[in-house]
Amino acid sequence: MRDLSQGLNILLVEDNPADARLVAEVMKEGRFHAVLHHVEDGVEAMAFLRQEPPFENKPRPDLLLLDLNMPRKDGWEVLEEIRADDALATLPVIILTTSDVHSDVRRAYSRHANCFLTKPVELDEFIKMITLLKDFWLTAVRLPGA
């Protein structure tokens, strides 16, 4: 068990700067006991998770918030790589996307995502979702890295 006095480490994989900024602000205002790290695409995500340059000094995340539609390497590819890598396979992956297509939900769970959240369009609803995420994933759930 590791020391959680600094909080959990969350990796946000999000190519939309406005959405990334919003998640960071909601987490800050909601007093999350977590450190948010952000990368913009799947290539950076895998380098971060494997602690490859330029992320060799970054901590291994306890939780991953993963967008699906990104340049270079999309969220589907990232999810498949994580689940195929023994060192990363137990990392909880929360899909956080604009998609509300049922086939995407099914596909995500069939690839062993732990949760599928559709980003609300309304600011109030987005804040509520991130707060619920905090209440469940950072309070009630026991994470494998913690």
Protein backbone atom coordinates (compact mmCIF):
# COMPACT_ATOMS: atom_id res chain seq x y z
CA MET A 1 0.00 0.00 0.00
CA ARG A 2 1.31 3.42 -0.88
CA ASP A 3 1.07 6.69 1.04
CA LEU A 4 -2.06 8.57 -0.01
CA SER A 5 -1.36 11.75 1.93
CA GLN A 6 -0.83 13.58 -1.36
CA GLY A 7 -3.98 12.06 -2.81
CA LEU A 8 -4.54 9.82 -5.75
CA ASN A 9 -3.04 10.39 -9.17
CA ILE A 10 -5.52 10.73 -12.02
CA LEU A 11 -4.52 10.81 -15.66
CA LEU A 12 -6.89 12.70 -17.95
CA VAL A 13 -6.46 11.83 -21.63
CA GLU A 14 -8.32 14.61 -23.43
CA ASP A 15 -7.54 16.44 -26.66
CA ASN A 16 -10.08 19.24 -26.11
CA PRO A 17 -8.35 21.99 -24.06
CA ALA A 18 -11.69 23.44 -22.88
CA ASP A 19 -12.89 20.07 -21.53
CA ALA A 20 -9.52 19.42 -19.86
CA ARG A 21 -9.59 22.86 -18.24
CA LEU A 22 -13.16 22.28 -17.05
CA VAL A 23 -12.29 18.94 -15.44
CA ALA A 24 -9.30 20.57 -13.71
CA GLU A 25 -11.42 23.47 -12.43
CA VAL A 26 -14.21 21.23 -11.13
CA MET A 27 -11.65 19.05 -9.36
CA LYS A 28 -9.99 22.09 -7.82
CA GLU A 29 -13.28 23.62 -6.68
CA GLY A 30 -14.52 20.25 -5.41
CA ARG A 31 -11.41 19.81 -3.28
CA PHE A 32 -10.51 16.46 -4.76
CA HIS A 33 -7.77 14.69 -2.86
CA ALA A 34 -6.10 13.89 -6.15
CA VAL A 35 -3.43 15.17 -8.45
CA LEU A 36 -4.66 15.58 -12.02
CA HIS A 37 -2.20 14.90 -14.82
CA HIS A 38 -3.22 15.68 -18.39
CA VAL A 39 -2.07 14.44 -21.78
CA GLU A 40 -3.64 15.27 -25.14
CA ASP A 41 -3.70 11.98 -27.04
CA GLY A 42 -3.25 8.25 -26.85
CA VAL A 43 0.44 8.28 -27.79
CA GLU A 44 1.20 10.56 -24.84
CA ALA A 45 -1.10 8.49 -22.62
CA MET A 46 0.79 5.28 -23.25
CA ALA A 47 4.16 7.02 -22.76
CA PHE A 48 2.87 8.45 -19.45
CA LEU A 49 1.53 5.08 -18.29
CA ARG A 50 4.78 3.32 -19.17
CA GLN A 51 6.83 6.18 -17.68
CA GLU A 52 8.68 6.73 -20.95
CA PRO A 53 10.26 10.07 -21.95
CA PRO A 54 9.25 12.75 -21.29
CA PHE A 55 7.16 11.20 -18.50
CA GLU A 56 9.78 9.02 -16.80
CA ASN A 57 9.48 10.92 -13.51
CA LYS A 58 5.68 10.97 -13.40
CA PRO A 59 3.78 8.73 -10.97
CA ARG A 60 1.76 5.77 -12.14
CA PRO A 61 -1.90 6.88 -12.15
CA ASP A 62 -4.47 5.30 -9.87
CA LEU A 63 -7.31 6.14 -12.23
CA LEU A 64 -7.57 6.98 -15.95
CA LEU A 65 -10.15 9.31 -17.49
CA LEU A 66 -10.09 8.49 -21.20
CA ASP A 67 -11.62 10.31 -24.14
CA LEU A 68 -12.34 8.13 -27.17
CA ASN A 69 -11.94 10.42 -30.16
CA MET A 70 -8.39 11.77 -30.29
CA PRO A 71 -5.66 12.28 -32.87
CA ARG A 72 -2.68 9.95 -33.38
CA LYS A 73 -4.01 7.13 -31.17
CA ASP A 74 -7.63 7.04 -30.10
CA GLY A 75 -9.12 5.90 -26.82
CA TRP A 76 -10.09 2.50 -28.21
CA GLU A 77 -6.47 1.72 -29.01
CA VAL A 78 -5.33 2.98 -25.60
CA LEU A 79 -7.91 0.83 -23.80
CA GLU A 80 -6.86 -2.26 -25.75
CA GLU A 81 -3.15 -1.63 -25.06
CA ILE A 82 -3.80 -1.13 -21.35
CA ARG A 83 -5.80 -4.34 -21.03
CA ALA A 84 -3.15 -6.29 -22.98
CA ASP A 85 -0.28 -5.06 -20.76
CA ASP A 86 0.09 -7.05 -17.52
CA ALA A 87 1.64 -4.06 -15.75
CA LEU A 88 -1.36 -1.84 -16.60
CA ALA A 89 -4.26 -4.29 -16.87
CA THR A 90 -5.75 -3.53 -13.45
CA LEU A 91 -5.75 0.25 -13.95
CA PRO A 92 -9.35 1.48 -13.64
CA VAL A 93 -10.36 3.16 -16.91
CA ILE A 94 -13.28 5.54 -17.03
CA ILE A 95 -14.41 6.46 -20.52
CA LEU A 96 -15.30 10.18 -20.53
CA THR A 97 -16.55 11.08 -23.98
CA THR A 98 -19.10 13.06 -25.95
CA SER A 99 -20.45 9.85 -27.47
CA ASP A 100 -23.81 8.58 -26.34
CA VAL A 101 -24.02 5.89 -29.01
CA HIS A 102 -25.11 2.56 -27.52
CA SER A 103 -22.63 0.62 -29.67
CA ASP A 104 -19.78 2.67 -28.14
CA VAL A 105 -21.04 1.81 -24.63
CA ARG A 106 -21.16 -1.90 -25.49
CA ARG A 107 -17.76 -1.75 -27.18
CA ALA A 108 -16.18 -0.03 -24.18
CA TYR A 109 -17.47 -2.59 -21.69
CA SER A 110 -16.56 -5.49 -23.97
CA ARG A 111 -13.00 -4.14 -23.89
CA HIS A 112 -13.17 -4.03 -20.07
CA ALA A 113 -13.62 -0.32 -19.41
CA ASN A 114 -14.68 0.14 -15.80
CA CYS A 115 -17.16 2.91 -16.48
CA PHE A 116 -18.66 4.85 -19.42
CA LEU A 117 -19.65 8.48 -18.93
CA THR A 118 -21.07 10.76 -21.60
CA LYS A 119 -19.97 14.36 -21.14
CA PRO A 120 -23.03 16.52 -20.57
CA VAL A 121 -23.40 19.62 -22.73
CA GLU A 122 -24.73 21.77 -19.89
CA LEU A 123 -22.12 23.12 -17.46
CA ASP A 124 -24.22 22.35 -14.35
CA GLU A 125 -24.62 18.74 -15.43
CA PHE A 126 -20.90 18.41 -16.23
CA ILE A 127 -19.99 19.70 -12.76
CA LYS A 128 -22.51 17.28 -11.22
CA MET A 129 -21.01 14.34 -13.15
CA ILE A 130 -17.43 15.11 -12.10
CA THR A 131 -18.60 15.50 -8.50
CA LEU A 132 -20.37 12.13 -8.65
CA LEU A 133 -17.21 10.64 -10.15
CA LYS A 134 -15.28 11.98 -7.16
CA ASP A 135 -17.82 10.72 -4.65
CA PHE A 136 -17.77 7.22 -6.10
CA TRP A 137 -14.27 6.61 -7.48
CA LEU A 138 -12.27 8.62 -4.94
CA THR A 139 -14.33 7.96 -1.84
CA ALA A 140 -16.28 4.71 -2.02
CA VAL A 141 -14.13 2.56 -4.30
CA ARG A 142 -10.92 0.87 -3.22
CA LEU A 143 -8.52 1.24 -6.14
CA PRO A 144 -5.91 -1.42 -6.93
CA GLY A 145 -2.96 0.99 -6.75
CA ALA A 146 -4.05 2.52 -3.46
